[in-house]
Amino acid sequence: MANQVDVMRKMTKKEITRVFFIQNGLLILLGIGIIFISTGILQWMKELSFAWQPVCWAVGLALVWGAINIALDRVLPERFTDDGGLNKLIFKDRKPLDILLLCVLIGFTEELIFRGVIQFYFGFWASVILFVLVHFRYLNKVYLLFNVTITSIIIAGLFQFSNQNLISVIMFHILFNFIGALDMRMRYQNGGGVAHGEERRR
């Protein structure tokens, strides 16, 4: 993890953004390829149909879970919420529109793979476990591991109970990430936030 952060510290914001676009673009192509080979792209596209009810559930869940996460970040000591500095490198001093575009890219890509492919074909728990393992930088942080596990269960549950509506989980993921990223941006620009500043002074 430290090596990854050290490498990214030497990169500009444009270079970091380019890496995200390349990585997520390759994942999108991989997911579409799997879908096309297994079911045919036209048949699978039905999963992308828009429905108001699951989208409203997604927005509501994202707002509630996002607010809970912000509250916990304010209360918990920084050592519990620190991911090694990667989020700070990505989000500090980045414009809100840039953050939104990153969240859209990440939310679409991850849900295409984890819900549109893995959960669709291999089931609920396969998508939950693999989603957690992909966020490997959280595996040695108890709170962050717990948090990403609960988030994965929420998204997988939403996909299951929305009759596998992919738009709803993409909306949840984008909004939840955007809320968290804006909060991190504000805290980093303010020196880490009140609770985290107090922790450092102790």
C-alpha atoms as a PDB file:
ATOM      1  CA  MET A   1       0.000   0.000   0.000  1.00  0.00           C
ATOM      2  CA  ALA A   2       2.806   2.370   0.885  1.00  0.00           C
ATOM      3  CA  ASN A   3       4.439   1.740  -2.507  1.00  0.00           C
ATOM      4  CA  GLN A   4       1.207   2.554  -4.331  1.00  0.00           C
ATOM      5  CA  VAL A   5       0.847   5.832  -2.433  1.00  0.00           C
ATOM      6  CA  ASP A   6       4.507   6.723  -3.015  1.00  0.00           C
ATOM      7  CA  VAL A   7       4.094   6.185  -6.761  1.00  0.00           C
ATOM      8  CA  MET A   8       0.925   8.304  -6.875  1.00  0.00           C
ATOM      9  CA  ARG A   9       2.574  11.126  -4.911  1.00  0.00           C
ATOM     10  CA  LYS A  10       4.905  11.591  -7.883  1.00  0.00           C
ATOM     11  CA  MET A  11       1.981  11.853 -10.315  1.00  0.00           C
ATOM     12  CA  THR A  12       0.015  14.952 -11.277  1.00  0.00           C
ATOM     13  CA  LYS A  13      -3.771  15.095 -10.943  1.00  0.00           C
ATOM     14  CA  LYS A  14      -4.084  14.600 -14.704  1.00  0.00           C
ATOM     15  CA  GLU A  15      -1.882  11.506 -14.569  1.00  0.00           C
ATOM     16  CA  ILE A  16      -3.890  10.034 -11.691  1.00  0.00           C
ATOM     17  CA  THR A  17      -7.122  10.709 -13.591  1.00  0.00           C
ATOM     18  CA  ARG A  18      -5.678   9.090 -16.722  1.00  0.00           C
ATOM     19  CA  VAL A  19      -4.780   5.943 -14.754  1.00  0.00           C
ATOM     20  CA  PHE A  20      -8.334   5.723 -13.387  1.00  0.00           C
ATOM     21  CA  PHE A  21      -9.814   6.094 -16.876  1.00  0.00           C
ATOM     22  CA  ILE A  22      -7.531   3.449 -18.349  1.00  0.00           C
ATOM     23  CA  GLN A  23      -8.109   0.947 -15.532  1.00  0.00           C
ATOM     24  CA  ASN A  24     -11.866   1.394 -15.475  1.00  0.00           C
ATOM     25  CA  GLY A  25     -12.082   1.477 -19.272  1.00  0.00           C
ATOM     26  CA  LEU A  26     -10.384  -1.907 -19.467  1.00  0.00           C
ATOM     27  CA  LEU A  27     -12.779  -3.280 -16.829  1.00  0.00           C
ATOM     28  CA  ILE A  28     -15.763  -1.992 -18.817  1.00  0.00           C
ATOM     29  CA  LEU A  29     -14.495  -3.719 -21.965  1.00  0.00           C
ATOM     30  CA  LEU A  30     -13.897  -6.923 -19.999  1.00  0.00           C
ATOM     31  CA  GLY A  31     -17.406  -6.836 -18.539  1.00  0.00           C
ATOM     32  CA  ILE A  32     -19.056  -6.148 -21.887  1.00  0.00           C
ATOM     33  CA  GLY A  33     -17.039  -8.955 -23.448  1.00  0.00           C
ATOM     34  CA  ILE A  34     -18.161 -11.449 -20.804  1.00  0.00           C
ATOM     35  CA  ILE A  35     -21.769 -10.342 -21.155  1.00  0.00           C
ATOM     36  CA  PHE A  36     -21.690 -10.513 -24.952  1.00  0.00           C
ATOM     37  CA  ILE A  37     -20.175 -13.998 -25.007  1.00  0.00           C
ATOM     38  CA  SER A  38     -22.513 -15.413 -22.341  1.00  0.00           C
ATOM     39  CA  THR A  39     -25.938 -13.961 -23.146  1.00  0.00           C
ATOM     40  CA  GLY A  40     -25.752 -11.601 -26.079  1.00  0.00           C
ATOM     41  CA  ILE A  41     -25.532  -7.869 -25.496  1.00  0.00           C
ATOM     42  CA  LEU A  42     -29.094  -7.050 -26.618  1.00  0.00           C
ATOM     43  CA  GLN A  43     -30.678  -9.492 -24.177  1.00  0.00           C
ATOM     44  CA  TRP A  44     -28.517  -8.286 -21.292  1.00  0.00           C
ATOM     45  CA  MET A  45     -29.285  -4.611 -21.996  1.00  0.00           C
ATOM     46  CA  LYS A  46     -32.717  -5.208 -20.430  1.00  0.00           C
ATOM     47  CA  GLU A  47     -30.917  -5.080 -17.068  1.00  0.00           C
ATOM     48  CA  LEU A  48     -30.183  -1.395 -17.733  1.00  0.00           C
ATOM     49  CA  SER A  49     -33.853  -0.419 -17.894  1.00  0.00           C
ATOM     50  CA  PHE A  50     -34.799   2.627 -15.807  1.00  0.00           C
ATOM     51  CA  ALA A  51     -37.427   2.205 -13.069  1.00  0.00           C
ATOM     52  CA  TRP A  52     -38.377   4.987 -10.641  1.00  0.00           C
ATOM     53  CA  GLN A  53     -38.996   2.872  -7.535  1.00  0.00           C
ATOM     54  CA  PRO A  54     -35.588   1.117  -7.298  1.00  0.00           C
ATOM     55  CA  VAL A  55     -33.799   4.345  -8.273  1.00  0.00           C
ATOM     56  CA  CYS A  56     -35.596   6.179  -5.444  1.00  0.00           C
ATOM     57  CA  TRP A  57     -34.584   3.396  -3.036  1.00  0.00           C
ATOM     58  CA  ALA A  58     -31.012   3.757  -4.262  1.00  0.00           C
ATOM     59  CA  VAL A  59     -30.938   7.536  -3.753  1.00  0.00           C
ATOM     60  CA  GLY A  60     -32.483   7.229  -0.277  1.00  0.00           C
ATOM     61  CA  LEU A  61     -30.065   4.488   0.801  1.00  0.00           C
ATOM     62  CA  ALA A  62     -27.079   6.410  -0.539  1.00  0.00           C
ATOM     63  CA  LEU A  63     -28.073   9.564   1.344  1.00  0.00           C
ATOM     64  CA  VAL A  64     -28.638   7.687   4.612  1.00  0.00           C
ATOM     65  CA  TRP A  65     -25.512   5.511   4.432  1.00  0.00           C
ATOM     66  CA  GLY A  66     -23.463   8.463   3.220  1.00  0.00           C
ATOM     67  CA  ALA A  67     -24.631  10.596   6.165  1.00  0.00           C
ATOM     68  CA  ILE A  68     -23.817   7.774   8.611  1.00  0.00           C
ATOM     69  CA  ASN A  69     -20.319   7.482   7.158  1.00  0.00           C
ATOM     70  CA  ILE A  70     -19.726  11.221   7.436  1.00  0.00           C
ATOM     71  CA  ALA A  71     -20.859  11.161  11.062  1.00  0.00           C
ATOM     72  CA  LEU A  72     -18.558   8.223  11.850  1.00  0.00           C
ATOM     73  CA  ASP A  73     -15.613   9.956  10.152  1.00  0.00           C
ATOM     74  CA  ARG A  74     -16.207  12.955  12.419  1.00  0.00           C
ATOM     75  CA  VAL A  75     -16.288  10.839  15.587  1.00  0.00           C
ATOM     76  CA  LEU A  76     -13.661   8.130  15.037  1.00  0.00           C
ATOM     77  CA  PRO A  77      -9.928   8.815  15.470  1.00  0.00           C
ATOM     78  CA  GLU A  78      -8.050   9.297  12.203  1.00  0.00           C
ATOM     79  CA  ARG A  79      -6.122   6.043  12.625  1.00  0.00           C
ATOM     80  CA  PHE A  80      -9.395   4.138  12.090  1.00  0.00           C
ATOM     81  CA  THR A  81     -10.376   5.930   8.875  1.00  0.00           C
ATOM     82  CA  ASP A  82      -6.972   6.527   7.263  1.00  0.00           C
ATOM     83  CA  ASP A  83      -6.481   4.385   4.135  1.00  0.00           C
ATOM     84  CA  GLY A  84      -2.782   5.131   3.880  1.00  0.00           C
ATOM     85  CA  GLY A  85      -3.193   8.508   2.229  1.00  0.00           C
ATOM     86  CA  LEU A  86      -4.517   7.329  -1.149  1.00  0.00           C
ATOM     87  CA  ASN A  87      -7.899   9.055  -0.876  1.00  0.00           C
ATOM     88  CA  LYS A  88      -6.176  12.271   0.136  1.00  0.00           C
ATOM     89  CA  LEU A  89      -3.982  12.139  -2.954  1.00  0.00           C
ATOM     90  CA  ILE A  90      -6.995  11.526  -5.185  1.00  0.00           C
ATOM     91  CA  PHE A  91      -9.520  14.003  -3.789  1.00  0.00           C
ATOM     92  CA  LYS A  92      -7.689  16.890  -2.118  1.00  0.00           C
ATOM     93  CA  ASP A  93      -7.718  20.066  -4.270  1.00  0.00           C
ATOM     94  CA  ARG A  94      -9.743  18.344  -6.999  1.00  0.00           C
ATOM     95  CA  LYS A  95     -12.717  20.232  -8.452  1.00  0.00           C
ATOM     96  CA  PRO A  96     -16.209  18.881  -7.557  1.00  0.00           C
ATOM     97  CA  LEU A  97     -16.969  18.263 -11.248  1.00  0.00           C
ATOM     98  CA  ASP A  98     -13.784  16.190 -11.582  1.00  0.00           C
ATOM     99  CA  ILE A  99     -14.782  14.241  -8.476  1.00  0.00           C
ATOM    100  CA  LEU A 100     -18.246  13.616  -9.921  1.00  0.00           C
ATOM    101  CA  LEU A 101     -16.783  12.316 -13.181  1.00  0.00           C
ATOM    102  CA  LEU A 102     -14.476   9.947 -11.278  1.00  0.00           C
ATOM    103  CA  CYS A 103     -17.394   8.726  -9.154  1.00  0.00           C
ATOM    104  CA  VAL A 104     -19.508   8.135 -12.268  1.00  0.00           C
ATOM    105  CA  LEU A 105     -16.698   6.187 -13.902  1.00  0.00           C
ATOM    106  CA  ILE A 106     -15.947   4.085 -10.813  1.00  0.00           C
ATOM    107  CA  GLY A 107     -19.611   3.502  -9.935  1.00  0.00           C
ATOM    108  CA  PHE A 108     -20.556   2.415 -13.454  1.00  0.00           C
ATOM    109  CA  THR A 109     -17.504   0.192 -13.914  1.00  0.00           C
ATOM    110  CA  GLU A 110     -17.638  -1.579 -10.558  1.00  0.00           C
ATOM    111  CA  GLU A 111     -21.369  -2.221 -10.728  1.00  0.00           C
ATOM    112  CA  LEU A 112     -21.134  -3.463 -14.312  1.00  0.00           C
ATOM    113  CA  ILE A 113     -18.584  -6.035 -13.140  1.00  0.00           C
ATOM    114  CA  PHE A 114     -19.705  -6.913  -9.601  1.00  0.00           C
ATOM    115  CA  ARG A 115     -23.479  -6.823 -10.013  1.00  0.00           C
ATOM    116  CA  GLY A 116     -23.993  -6.986 -13.784  1.00  0.00           C
ATOM    117  CA  VAL A 117     -21.624  -9.929 -14.194  1.00  0.00           C
ATOM    118  CA  ILE A 118     -20.554 -11.530 -10.911  1.00  0.00           C
ATOM    119  CA  GLN A 119     -23.806 -11.310  -8.937  1.00  0.00           C
ATOM    120  CA  PHE A 120     -25.919 -11.896 -12.051  1.00  0.00           C
ATOM    121  CA  TYR A 121     -24.121 -15.180 -12.801  1.00  0.00           C
ATOM    122  CA  PHE A 122     -22.545 -16.322  -9.526  1.00  0.00           C
ATOM    123  CA  GLY A 123     -24.815 -14.960  -6.821  1.00  0.00           C
ATOM    124  CA  PHE A 124     -25.079 -12.551  -3.905  1.00  0.00           C
ATOM    125  CA  TRP A 125     -22.147 -13.616  -1.740  1.00  0.00           C
ATOM    126  CA  ALA A 126     -19.716 -14.007  -4.625  1.00  0.00           C
ATOM    127  CA  SER A 127     -20.215 -10.338  -5.523  1.00  0.00           C
ATOM    128  CA  VAL A 128     -19.952  -9.234  -1.880  1.00  0.00           C
ATOM    129  CA  ILE A 129     -16.736 -11.132  -1.156  1.00  0.00           C
ATOM    130  CA  LEU A 130     -14.992 -10.230  -4.409  1.00  0.00           C
ATOM    131  CA  PHE A 131     -15.973  -6.565  -4.018  1.00  0.00           C
ATOM    132  CA  VAL A 132     -14.349  -6.528  -0.567  1.00  0.00           C
ATOM    133  CA  LEU A 133     -11.212  -8.307  -1.801  1.00  0.00           C
ATOM    134  CA  VAL A 134     -10.762  -5.821  -4.648  1.00  0.00           C
ATOM    135  CA  HIS A 135     -10.600  -3.051  -2.021  1.00  0.00           C
ATOM    136  CA  PHE A 136      -7.535  -4.819  -0.617  1.00  0.00           C
ATOM    137  CA  ARG A 137      -6.025  -1.681   0.883  1.00  0.00           C
ATOM    138  CA  TYR A 138      -8.740  -1.865   3.569  1.00  0.00           C
ATOM    139  CA  LEU A 139      -7.995  -5.465   4.604  1.00  0.00           C
ATOM    140  CA  ASN A 140      -5.640  -4.493   7.460  1.00  0.00           C
ATOM    141  CA  LYS A 141      -7.976  -1.766   8.770  1.00  0.00           C
ATOM    142  CA  VAL A 142     -10.814  -3.174  10.894  1.00  0.00           C
ATOM    143  CA  TYR A 143     -13.190  -0.227  10.559  1.00  0.00           C
ATOM    144  CA  LEU A 144     -12.593   0.271   6.817  1.00  0.00           C
ATOM    145  CA  LEU A 145     -12.958  -3.464   6.182  1.00  0.00           C
ATOM    146  CA  PHE A 146     -16.236  -3.506   8.129  1.00  0.00           C
ATOM    147  CA  ASN A 147     -17.433  -0.419   6.277  1.00  0.00           C
ATOM    148  CA  VAL A 148     -16.691  -1.711   2.767  1.00  0.00           C
ATOM    149  CA  THR A 149     -18.287  -5.071   3.675  1.00  0.00           C
ATOM    150  CA  ILE A 150     -21.521  -3.419   4.826  1.00  0.00           C
ATOM    151  CA  THR A 151     -21.504  -1.190   1.732  1.00  0.00           C
ATOM    152  CA  SER A 152     -21.064  -4.241  -0.503  1.00  0.00           C
ATOM    153  CA  ILE A 153     -23.943  -6.045   1.239  1.00  0.00           C
ATOM    154  CA  ILE A 154     -26.185  -2.983   0.837  1.00  0.00           C
ATOM    155  CA  ILE A 155     -25.448  -2.734  -2.894  1.00  0.00           C
ATOM    156  CA  ALA A 156     -25.857  -6.474  -3.468  1.00  0.00           C
ATOM    157  CA  GLY A 157     -29.119  -6.422  -1.491  1.00  0.00           C
ATOM    158  CA  LEU A 158     -30.411  -3.484  -3.513  1.00  0.00           C
ATOM    159  CA  PHE A 159     -29.612  -5.340  -6.737  1.00  0.00           C
ATOM    160  CA  GLN A 160     -31.375  -8.444  -5.442  1.00  0.00           C
ATOM    161  CA  PHE A 161     -34.525  -6.714  -4.193  1.00  0.00           C
ATOM    162  CA  SER A 162     -34.815  -4.368  -7.185  1.00  0.00           C
ATOM    163  CA  ASN A 163     -35.259  -7.362  -9.473  1.00  0.00           C
ATOM    164  CA  GLN A 164     -31.643  -6.998 -10.643  1.00  0.00           C
ATOM    165  CA  ASN A 165     -32.004  -3.411 -11.768  1.00  0.00           C
ATOM    166  CA  LEU A 166     -28.479  -2.317 -12.640  1.00  0.00           C
ATOM    167  CA  ILE A 167     -29.313   1.375 -12.955  1.00  0.00           C
ATOM    168  CA  SER A 168     -30.344   1.518  -9.289  1.00  0.00           C
ATOM    169  CA  VAL A 169     -27.059   0.104  -7.951  1.00  0.00           C
ATOM    170  CA  ILE A 170     -25.039   2.315 -10.292  1.00  0.00           C
ATOM    171  CA  MET A 171     -26.948   5.343  -8.964  1.00  0.00           C
ATOM    172  CA  PHE A 172     -26.341   4.262  -5.355  1.00  0.00           C
ATOM    173  CA  HIS A 173     -22.634   3.733  -5.941  1.00  0.00           C
ATOM    174  CA  ILE A 174     -22.130   7.061  -7.726  1.00  0.00           C
ATOM    175  CA  LEU A 175     -24.062   9.104  -5.153  1.00  0.00           C
ATOM    176  CA  PHE A 176     -22.544   7.354  -2.127  1.00  0.00           C
ATOM    177  CA  ASN A 177     -19.005   7.800  -3.466  1.00  0.00           C
ATOM    178  CA  PHE A 178     -19.686  11.425  -4.406  1.00  0.00           C
ATOM    179  CA  ILE A 179     -20.989  12.272  -0.931  1.00  0.00           C
ATOM    180  CA  GLY A 180     -17.969  10.659   0.709  1.00  0.00           C
ATOM    181  CA  ALA A 181     -15.478  12.188  -1.719  1.00  0.00           C
ATOM    182  CA  LEU A 182     -16.823  15.720  -1.257  1.00  0.00           C
ATOM    183  CA  ASP A 183     -16.659  15.290   2.509  1.00  0.00           C
ATOM    184  CA  MET A 184     -13.065  14.021   2.300  1.00  0.00           C
ATOM    185  CA  ARG A 185     -12.127  16.932   0.016  1.00  0.00           C
ATOM    186  CA  MET A 186     -13.540  19.414   2.537  1.00  0.00           C
ATOM    187  CA  ARG A 187     -11.821  17.748   5.508  1.00  0.00           C
ATOM    188  CA  TYR A 188      -8.460  17.520   3.768  1.00  0.00           C
ATOM    189  CA  GLN A 189      -8.602  21.161   2.722  1.00  0.00           C
ATOM    190  CA  ASN A 190      -9.457  22.109   6.316  1.00  0.00           C
ATOM    191  CA  GLY A 191      -6.539  20.131   7.699  1.00  0.00           C
ATOM    192  CA  GLY A 192      -8.371  16.876   8.404  1.00  0.00           C
ATOM    193  CA  GLY A 193     -11.520  18.032  10.185  1.00  0.00           C
ATOM    194  CA  VAL A 194     -12.259  18.853  13.826  1.00  0.00           C
ATOM    195  CA  ALA A 195     -12.281  15.365  15.260  1.00  0.00           C
ATOM    196  CA  HIS A 196      -9.140  14.326  13.377  1.00  0.00           C
ATOM    197  CA  GLY A 197      -7.327  17.538  14.279  1.00  0.00           C
ATOM    198  CA  GLU A 198      -8.064  16.964  17.942  1.00  0.00           C
ATOM    199  CA  GLU A 199      -6.762  13.396  17.636  1.00  0.00           C
ATOM    200  CA  ARG A 200      -3.447  14.642  16.234  1.00  0.00           C
ATOM    201  CA  ARG A 201      -3.062  17.254  18.987  1.00  0.00           C
ATOM    202  CA  ARG A 202      -3.406  14.576  21.643  1.00  0.00           C
END
